[in-house]
Amino acid sequence: MIALLLAVAAPQAISIHQRWGAFRDEAPTRCYAISRPVRGRTGTPFASVGSWPGAGARGQVHVRLSRPRSDRAQVVLAIGERRFELKAGRIDAWSPDPATDRAIVAAMRGGRSMSVESVGENGAPFVDVYALAGAATAIDAAALGCL
C-alpha cells in the first residue's frame, strides 16, 4: 500500500503507524494520514484525514470508494454506534462540513474499525472496512507535519 502511494504521488513519508501512514506533499503543501481498507479492496480505495495549510483546512475527511456508486445511493461512514452521511461524487466522498470532520476524527480516535457503505452502479451494496489501530497517531503526525 505505502509503496504504491509513494510511486504514484512521491509524497514525503512522515511516519507509519500500523495500517496508517502520515505523509507530506509540496506544491501545494498538504499533509495527510491515509490507509487502505482491510476489506473491500477492488479498485484503489483509501480513507484519509488531511490538512491544507494554505487553504486554512485542517482535519478534512476524504474517502475513495472501492467502486463507483449509484447516483441515487448515499455513502455512510460508521464507527461503532456513530453514523455519518458523507457528500459523495461517483467514486469519492467527503465530510459535509468542518463540524462533521471533527466528529468523525474524534470517533476514529476511540474506535477499533470504520466502515464506508454504499450501493454500486450495478445495484449491489458494498462496504469498505478500515482498521483504526494507528489512525490517531498518524493523524497527529500528519497535522504536525504541516505546522
N, C-alpha and C. Protein backbone atom coordinates (compact mmCIF):
# COMPACT_ATOMS: atom_id res chain seq x y z
N MET A 1 0.82 -1.18 0.00
CA MET A 1 0.00 0.00 0.00
C MET A 1 0.87 1.24 0.00
N ILE A 2 1.77 1.37 0.95
CA ILE A 2 2.59 2.55 1.09
C ILE A 2 3.47 2.72 -0.14
N ALA A 3 4.06 1.64 -0.64
CA ALA A 3 4.93 1.72 -1.82
C ALA A 3 4.15 2.23 -3.03
N LEU A 4 2.90 1.79 -3.18
CA LEU A 4 2.08 2.26 -4.28
C LEU A 4 1.85 3.77 -4.18
N LEU A 5 1.54 4.24 -3.00
CA LEU A 5 1.32 5.67 -2.80
C LEU A 5 2.58 6.48 -3.09
N LEU A 6 3.72 5.98 -2.67
CA LEU A 6 4.98 6.68 -2.91
C LEU A 6 5.31 6.74 -4.40
N ALA A 7 5.04 5.67 -5.12
CA ALA A 7 5.35 5.63 -6.54
C ALA A 7 4.46 6.56 -7.35
N VAL A 8 3.21 6.69 -6.96
CA VAL A 8 2.26 7.49 -7.73
C VAL A 8 2.44 8.98 -7.45
N ALA A 9 2.47 9.39 -6.21
CA ALA A 9 2.46 10.81 -5.89
C ALA A 9 3.79 11.33 -5.37
N ALA A 10 4.71 10.46 -5.03
CA ALA A 10 6.01 10.82 -4.48
C ALA A 10 5.92 11.75 -3.27
N PRO A 11 5.04 11.44 -2.32
CA PRO A 11 4.99 12.27 -1.11
C PRO A 11 6.15 11.94 -0.19
N GLN A 12 6.40 12.83 0.75
CA GLN A 12 7.42 12.59 1.76
C GLN A 12 6.76 11.83 2.91
N ALA A 13 7.28 10.65 3.23
CA ALA A 13 6.74 9.88 4.35
C ALA A 13 7.16 10.55 5.66
N ILE A 14 6.19 10.78 6.52
CA ILE A 14 6.46 11.32 7.85
C ILE A 14 6.64 10.17 8.82
N SER A 15 5.67 9.24 8.84
CA SER A 15 5.75 8.08 9.72
C SER A 15 4.68 7.07 9.33
N ILE A 16 4.89 5.83 9.79
CA ILE A 16 3.94 4.74 9.56
C ILE A 16 3.50 4.21 10.92
N HIS A 17 2.20 4.02 11.09
CA HIS A 17 1.62 3.55 12.36
C HIS A 17 0.61 2.46 12.07
N GLN A 18 1.05 1.22 12.20
CA GLN A 18 0.25 0.05 11.89
C GLN A 18 -0.25 0.14 10.46
N ARG A 19 -1.56 0.21 10.22
CA ARG A 19 -2.09 0.26 8.85
C ARG A 19 -2.24 1.68 8.31
N TRP A 20 -1.80 2.67 9.07
CA TRP A 20 -1.94 4.07 8.68
C TRP A 20 -0.57 4.71 8.46
N GLY A 21 -0.47 5.56 7.45
CA GLY A 21 0.74 6.31 7.20
C GLY A 21 0.46 7.80 7.23
N ALA A 22 1.47 8.58 7.60
CA ALA A 22 1.39 10.04 7.58
C ALA A 22 2.36 10.54 6.51
N PHE A 23 1.88 11.45 5.64
CA PHE A 23 2.66 11.92 4.51
C PHE A 23 2.53 13.42 4.34
N ARG A 24 3.51 13.98 3.63
CA ARG A 24 3.50 15.42 3.31
C ARG A 24 3.80 15.58 1.82
N ASP A 25 3.02 16.41 1.16
CA ASP A 25 3.24 16.78 -0.24
C ASP A 25 3.59 18.26 -0.29
N GLU A 26 4.33 18.64 -1.32
CA GLU A 26 4.64 20.05 -1.57
C GLU A 26 3.88 20.52 -2.80
N ALA A 27 3.73 21.81 -2.92
CA ALA A 27 3.19 22.49 -4.11
C ALA A 27 1.85 21.94 -4.58
N PRO A 28 0.76 22.13 -3.96
CA PRO A 28 0.62 22.89 -2.72
C PRO A 28 0.93 22.01 -1.52
N THR A 29 1.33 22.64 -0.43
CA THR A 29 1.64 21.90 0.79
C THR A 29 0.37 21.28 1.34
N ARG A 30 0.43 20.00 1.59
CA ARG A 30 -0.66 19.29 2.27
C ARG A 30 -0.07 18.11 3.01
N CYS A 31 -0.68 17.78 4.13
CA CYS A 31 -0.27 16.64 4.93
C CYS A 31 -1.50 15.79 5.21
N TYR A 32 -1.30 14.49 5.27
CA TYR A 32 -2.46 13.62 5.46
C TYR A 32 -2.07 12.28 6.07
N ALA A 33 -3.02 11.72 6.79
CA ALA A 33 -2.95 10.34 7.27
C ALA A 33 -3.81 9.53 6.31
N ILE A 34 -3.34 8.34 5.93
CA ILE A 34 -4.06 7.57 4.92
C ILE A 34 -3.93 6.07 5.18
N SER A 35 -4.97 5.33 4.79
CA SER A 35 -4.95 3.88 4.93
C SER A 35 -5.80 3.25 3.83
N ARG A 36 -5.49 2.01 3.51
CA ARG A 36 -6.32 1.20 2.61
C ARG A 36 -7.21 0.32 3.47
N PRO A 37 -8.35 -0.09 2.93
CA PRO A 37 -9.25 -0.95 3.72
C PRO A 37 -8.70 -2.36 3.90
N VAL A 38 -9.17 -2.99 4.96
CA VAL A 38 -8.83 -4.39 5.19
C VAL A 38 -9.76 -5.30 4.39
N ARG A 39 -10.95 -4.79 4.06
CA ARG A 39 -11.93 -5.47 3.20
C ARG A 39 -12.41 -4.47 2.17
N GLY A 40 -12.92 -4.95 1.04
CA GLY A 40 -13.42 -4.06 0.02
C GLY A 40 -12.28 -3.50 -0.81
N ARG A 41 -11.41 -4.39 -1.29
CA ARG A 41 -10.16 -3.93 -1.90
C ARG A 41 -10.16 -3.94 -3.42
N THR A 42 -11.31 -3.89 -4.07
CA THR A 42 -11.27 -3.72 -5.52
C THR A 42 -10.96 -2.25 -5.79
N GLY A 43 -10.39 -1.93 -6.93
CA GLY A 43 -10.03 -0.55 -7.21
C GLY A 43 -8.88 -0.08 -6.33
N THR A 44 -8.83 1.22 -6.08
CA THR A 44 -7.78 1.80 -5.23
C THR A 44 -8.41 2.62 -4.10
N PRO A 45 -9.20 1.97 -3.25
CA PRO A 45 -9.87 2.71 -2.18
C PRO A 45 -8.89 3.15 -1.09
N PHE A 46 -9.25 4.24 -0.41
CA PHE A 46 -8.49 4.69 0.75
C PHE A 46 -9.37 5.60 1.59
N ALA A 47 -8.95 5.79 2.82
CA ALA A 47 -9.54 6.80 3.71
C ALA A 47 -8.39 7.69 4.15
N SER A 48 -8.66 9.00 4.21
CA SER A 48 -7.61 9.92 4.62
C SER A 48 -8.19 11.06 5.45
N VAL A 49 -7.30 11.63 6.25
CA VAL A 49 -7.61 12.85 7.02
C VAL A 49 -6.47 13.80 6.70
N GLY A 50 -6.81 14.93 6.05
CA GLY A 50 -5.77 15.80 5.54
C GLY A 50 -5.88 17.24 5.99
N SER A 51 -4.76 17.95 5.82
CA SER A 51 -4.67 19.38 6.11
C SER A 51 -4.02 20.09 4.93
N TRP A 52 -4.58 21.24 4.56
CA TRP A 52 -4.05 22.11 3.52
C TRP A 52 -3.85 23.47 4.16
N PRO A 53 -2.66 23.73 4.73
CA PRO A 53 -2.43 24.99 5.46
C PRO A 53 -2.70 26.24 4.63
N GLY A 54 -2.35 26.23 3.36
CA GLY A 54 -2.56 27.39 2.51
C GLY A 54 -4.03 27.74 2.34
N ALA A 55 -4.89 26.76 2.46
CA ALA A 55 -6.33 26.97 2.33
C ALA A 55 -7.01 27.09 3.68
N GLY A 56 -6.23 26.97 4.77
CA GLY A 56 -6.81 27.06 6.10
C GLY A 56 -7.63 25.84 6.48
N ALA A 57 -7.42 24.72 5.80
CA ALA A 57 -8.19 23.50 6.05
C ALA A 57 -7.38 22.54 6.91
N ARG A 58 -8.02 22.00 7.93
CA ARG A 58 -7.38 21.03 8.83
C ARG A 58 -8.34 19.90 9.14
N GLY A 59 -7.82 18.69 9.19
CA GLY A 59 -8.61 17.53 9.62
C GLY A 59 -9.76 17.17 8.70
N GLN A 60 -9.58 17.34 7.38
CA GLN A 60 -10.64 17.02 6.44
C GLN A 60 -10.66 15.53 6.10
N VAL A 61 -11.84 14.93 6.18
CA VAL A 61 -12.02 13.52 5.90
C VAL A 61 -12.36 13.33 4.42
N HIS A 62 -11.63 12.41 3.77
CA HIS A 62 -11.86 12.09 2.36
C HIS A 62 -11.76 10.58 2.21
N VAL A 63 -12.69 10.01 1.45
CA VAL A 63 -12.71 8.57 1.21
C VAL A 63 -12.79 8.32 -0.28
N ARG A 64 -11.93 7.45 -0.79
CA ARG A 64 -12.06 6.95 -2.16
C ARG A 64 -12.74 5.59 -2.04
N LEU A 65 -13.87 5.45 -2.71
CA LEU A 65 -14.65 4.21 -2.64
C LEU A 65 -14.01 3.10 -3.46
N SER A 66 -14.31 1.86 -3.11
CA SER A 66 -13.72 0.73 -3.83
C SER A 66 -14.37 0.49 -5.18
N ARG A 67 -15.51 1.12 -5.43
CA ARG A 67 -16.17 1.03 -6.73
C ARG A 67 -17.08 2.23 -6.92
N PRO A 68 -17.42 2.56 -8.15
CA PRO A 68 -18.33 3.68 -8.38
C PRO A 68 -19.70 3.40 -7.75
N ARG A 69 -20.29 4.44 -7.19
CA ARG A 69 -21.58 4.27 -6.53
C ARG A 69 -22.71 4.65 -7.47
N SER A 70 -23.88 4.16 -7.17
CA SER A 70 -25.08 4.54 -7.89
C SER A 70 -25.37 6.02 -7.63
N ASP A 71 -25.88 6.72 -8.61
CA ASP A 71 -26.20 8.14 -8.45
C ASP A 71 -27.21 8.38 -7.33
N ARG A 72 -28.05 7.41 -7.06
CA ARG A 72 -29.09 7.56 -6.03
C ARG A 72 -28.66 7.07 -4.64
N ALA A 73 -27.46 6.52 -4.53
CA ALA A 73 -27.04 5.91 -3.27
C ALA A 73 -26.36 6.92 -2.35
N GLN A 74 -26.65 6.79 -1.07
CA GLN A 74 -25.94 7.55 -0.05
C GLN A 74 -24.62 6.85 0.25
N VAL A 75 -23.70 7.58 0.87
CA VAL A 75 -22.48 6.99 1.39
C VAL A 75 -22.50 7.26 2.89
N VAL A 76 -22.40 6.18 3.68
CA VAL A 76 -22.46 6.29 5.13
C VAL A 76 -21.17 5.74 5.72
N LEU A 77 -20.53 6.55 6.54
CA LEU A 77 -19.34 6.14 7.29
C LEU A 77 -19.80 5.79 8.69
N ALA A 78 -19.41 4.61 9.18
CA ALA A 78 -19.83 4.16 10.51
C ALA A 78 -18.62 3.81 11.35
N ILE A 79 -18.65 4.29 12.61
CA ILE A 79 -17.63 3.95 13.61
C ILE A 79 -18.39 3.64 14.88
N GLY A 80 -18.35 2.37 15.30
CA GLY A 80 -19.13 1.98 16.47
C GLY A 80 -20.60 2.29 16.24
N GLU A 81 -21.21 2.98 17.18
CA GLU A 81 -22.63 3.35 17.10
C GLU A 81 -22.87 4.59 16.24
N ARG A 82 -21.81 5.34 15.92
CA ARG A 82 -21.95 6.60 15.19
C ARG A 82 -22.07 6.36 13.69
N ARG A 83 -22.96 7.12 13.06
CA ARG A 83 -23.17 7.07 11.61
C ARG A 83 -23.06 8.49 11.07
N PHE A 84 -22.33 8.64 9.96
CA PHE A 84 -22.14 9.94 9.34
C PHE A 84 -22.46 9.82 7.85
N GLU A 85 -23.38 10.62 7.37
CA GLU A 85 -23.65 10.65 5.93
C GLU A 85 -22.65 11.58 5.27
N LEU A 86 -21.98 11.08 4.24
CA LEU A 86 -20.96 11.86 3.54
C LEU A 86 -21.53 12.45 2.25
N LYS A 87 -20.94 13.55 1.80
CA LYS A 87 -21.22 14.08 0.47
C LYS A 87 -20.42 13.22 -0.50
N ALA A 88 -21.03 12.86 -1.62
CA ALA A 88 -20.35 11.91 -2.49
C ALA A 88 -20.40 12.31 -3.95
N GLY A 89 -19.31 12.01 -4.61
CA GLY A 89 -19.23 12.04 -6.06
C GLY A 89 -19.37 10.60 -6.53
N ARG A 90 -18.94 10.34 -7.72
CA ARG A 90 -19.07 8.99 -8.29
C ARG A 90 -18.21 7.97 -7.54
N ILE A 91 -16.98 8.35 -7.16
CA ILE A 91 -16.05 7.40 -6.54
C ILE A 91 -15.42 7.95 -5.26
N ASP A 92 -15.66 9.22 -4.94
CA ASP A 92 -15.10 9.86 -3.75
C ASP A 92 -16.21 10.36 -2.84
N ALA A 93 -15.89 10.48 -1.55
CA ALA A 93 -16.84 11.02 -0.58
C ALA A 93 -16.09 11.85 0.45
N TRP A 94 -16.76 12.89 0.96
CA TRP A 94 -16.17 13.82 1.91
C TRP A 94 -17.16 14.10 3.01
N SER A 95 -16.63 14.54 4.12
CA SER A 95 -17.46 15.04 5.19
C SER A 95 -18.18 16.29 4.68
N PRO A 96 -19.43 16.50 5.09
CA PRO A 96 -20.17 17.66 4.57
C PRO A 96 -19.74 19.01 5.13
N ASP A 97 -19.03 19.02 6.28
CA ASP A 97 -18.66 20.29 6.89
C ASP A 97 -17.58 20.07 7.95
N PRO A 98 -16.92 21.15 8.40
CA PRO A 98 -15.84 21.00 9.40
C PRO A 98 -16.29 20.39 10.73
N ALA A 99 -17.52 20.67 11.16
CA ALA A 99 -18.00 20.07 12.42
C ALA A 99 -18.10 18.55 12.30
N THR A 100 -18.54 18.07 11.15
CA THR A 100 -18.62 16.61 10.94
C THR A 100 -17.23 16.03 10.81
N ASP A 101 -16.30 16.75 10.17
CA ASP A 101 -14.90 16.30 10.13
C ASP A 101 -14.40 16.06 11.55
N ARG A 102 -14.62 17.03 12.42
CA ARG A 102 -14.14 16.92 13.81
C ARG A 102 -14.81 15.74 14.52
N ALA A 103 -16.10 15.53 14.31
CA ALA A 103 -16.81 14.42 14.96
C ALA A 103 -16.30 13.07 14.45
N ILE A 104 -16.04 12.98 13.15
CA ILE A 104 -15.51 11.72 12.60
C ILE A 104 -14.13 11.44 13.16
N VAL A 105 -13.25 12.43 13.16
CA VAL A 105 -11.89 12.23 13.67
C VAL A 105 -11.94 11.85 15.15
N ALA A 106 -12.81 12.47 15.93
CA ALA A 106 -12.94 12.11 17.35
C ALA A 106 -13.40 10.66 17.49
N ALA A 107 -14.34 10.25 16.68
CA ALA A 107 -14.81 8.85 16.72
C ALA A 107 -13.70 7.90 16.28
N MET A 108 -12.91 8.30 15.28
CA MET A 108 -11.79 7.45 14.83
C MET A 108 -10.80 7.24 15.96
N ARG A 109 -10.56 8.26 16.76
CA ARG A 109 -9.59 8.16 17.85
C ARG A 109 -9.99 7.11 18.88
N GLY A 110 -11.28 6.90 19.07
CA GLY A 110 -11.75 5.94 20.07
C GLY A 110 -12.25 4.63 19.49
N GLY A 111 -12.24 4.50 18.16
CA GLY A 111 -12.82 3.31 17.54
C GLY A 111 -11.79 2.25 17.20
N ARG A 112 -12.30 1.06 16.93
CA ARG A 112 -11.45 -0.06 16.51
C ARG A 112 -11.48 -0.26 15.01
N SER A 113 -12.64 0.03 14.41
CA SER A 113 -12.76 -0.10 12.96
C SER A 113 -13.78 0.91 12.44
N MET A 114 -13.72 1.12 11.15
CA MET A 114 -14.58 2.09 10.48
C MET A 114 -15.04 1.43 9.18
N SER A 115 -16.31 1.62 8.84
CA SER A 115 -16.81 1.10 7.57
C SER A 115 -17.41 2.23 6.75
N VAL A 116 -17.31 2.09 5.45
CA VAL A 116 -17.90 3.03 4.50
C VAL A 116 -18.79 2.19 3.60
N GLU A 117 -20.09 2.51 3.62
CA GLU A 117 -21.08 1.69 2.92
C GLU A 117 -21.81 2.50 1.87
N SER A 118 -22.12 1.84 0.74
CA SER A 118 -22.92 2.46 -0.30
C SER A 118 -23.48 1.36 -1.19
N VAL A 119 -24.05 1.78 -2.32
CA VAL A 119 -24.57 0.85 -3.32
C VAL A 119 -23.88 1.18 -4.63
N GLY A 120 -23.34 0.15 -5.27
CA GLY A 120 -22.61 0.33 -6.51
C GLY A 120 -23.52 0.64 -7.69
N GLU A 121 -22.90 1.01 -8.80
CA GLU A 121 -23.65 1.29 -10.03
C GLU A 121 -24.49 0.10 -10.48
N ASN A 122 -24.05 -1.11 -10.14
CA ASN A 122 -24.77 -2.32 -10.52
C ASN A 122 -25.92 -2.64 -9.57
N GLY A 123 -26.14 -1.80 -8.55
CA GLY A 123 -27.25 -2.02 -7.62
C GLY A 123 -26.89 -2.88 -6.41
N ALA A 124 -25.66 -3.40 -6.37
CA ALA A 124 -25.24 -4.26 -5.26
C ALA A 124 -24.62 -3.41 -4.15
N PRO A 125 -25.03 -3.64 -2.90
CA PRO A 125 -24.40 -2.92 -1.80
C PRO A 125 -22.94 -3.35 -1.63
N PHE A 126 -22.12 -2.44 -1.11
CA PHE A 126 -20.74 -2.78 -0.80
C PHE A 126 -20.31 -2.04 0.46
N VAL A 127 -19.26 -2.57 1.08
CA VAL A 127 -18.72 -1.95 2.29
C VAL A 127 -17.20 -2.05 2.24
N ASP A 128 -16.53 -0.95 2.58
CA ASP A 128 -15.08 -0.92 2.72
C ASP A 128 -14.80 -0.77 4.21
N VAL A 129 -13.99 -1.66 4.77
CA VAL A 129 -13.73 -1.69 6.21
C VAL A 129 -12.27 -1.33 6.48
N TYR A 130 -12.07 -0.41 7.44
CA TYR A 130 -10.74 0.07 7.80
C TYR A 130 -10.45 -0.24 9.27
N ALA A 131 -9.25 -0.74 9.54
CA ALA A 131 -8.78 -0.88 10.92
C ALA A 131 -8.34 0.51 11.38
N LEU A 132 -8.65 0.87 12.61
CA LEU A 132 -8.30 2.19 13.12
C LEU A 132 -7.08 2.19 14.05
N ALA A 133 -6.50 1.02 14.31
CA ALA A 133 -5.27 0.99 15.10
C ALA A 133 -4.20 1.79 14.37
N GLY A 134 -3.62 2.76 15.03
CA GLY A 134 -2.59 3.61 14.44
C GLY A 134 -3.13 4.87 13.80
N ALA A 135 -4.43 4.97 13.59
CA ALA A 135 -5.01 6.13 12.90
C ALA A 135 -4.77 7.42 13.68
N ALA A 136 -5.03 7.41 14.98
CA ALA A 136 -4.89 8.65 15.78
C ALA A 136 -3.46 9.17 15.72
N THR A 137 -2.48 8.28 15.84
CA THR A 137 -1.08 8.70 15.82
C THR A 137 -0.70 9.23 14.44
N ALA A 138 -1.19 8.57 13.38
CA ALA A 138 -0.90 9.03 12.02
C ALA A 138 -1.57 10.39 11.75
N ILE A 139 -2.79 10.58 12.23
CA ILE A 139 -3.48 11.87 12.07
C ILE A 139 -2.70 12.97 12.77
N ASP A 140 -2.25 12.70 13.98
CA ASP A 140 -1.46 13.70 14.73
C ASP A 140 -0.13 13.99 14.03
N ALA A 141 0.55 12.95 13.55
CA ALA A 141 1.83 13.14 12.87
C ALA A 141 1.65 13.96 11.59
N ALA A 142 0.59 13.70 10.85
CA ALA A 142 0.32 14.47 9.64
C ALA A 142 0.02 15.93 9.97
N ALA A 143 -0.76 16.16 11.02
CA ALA A 143 -1.08 17.54 11.41
C ALA A 143 0.20 18.30 11.82
N LEU A 144 1.08 17.63 12.54
CA LEU A 144 2.34 18.26 12.93
C LEU A 144 3.26 18.50 11.74
N GLY A 145 3.14 17.65 10.74
CA GLY A 145 3.97 17.79 9.54
C GLY A 145 3.67 19.04 8.73
N CYS A 146 2.53 19.65 8.96
CA CYS A 146 2.15 20.86 8.22
C CYS A 146 2.08 22.10 9.11
N LEU A 147 2.73 22.05 10.26
CA LEU A 147 2.74 23.26 11.10
C LEU A 147 3.78 24.25 10.61
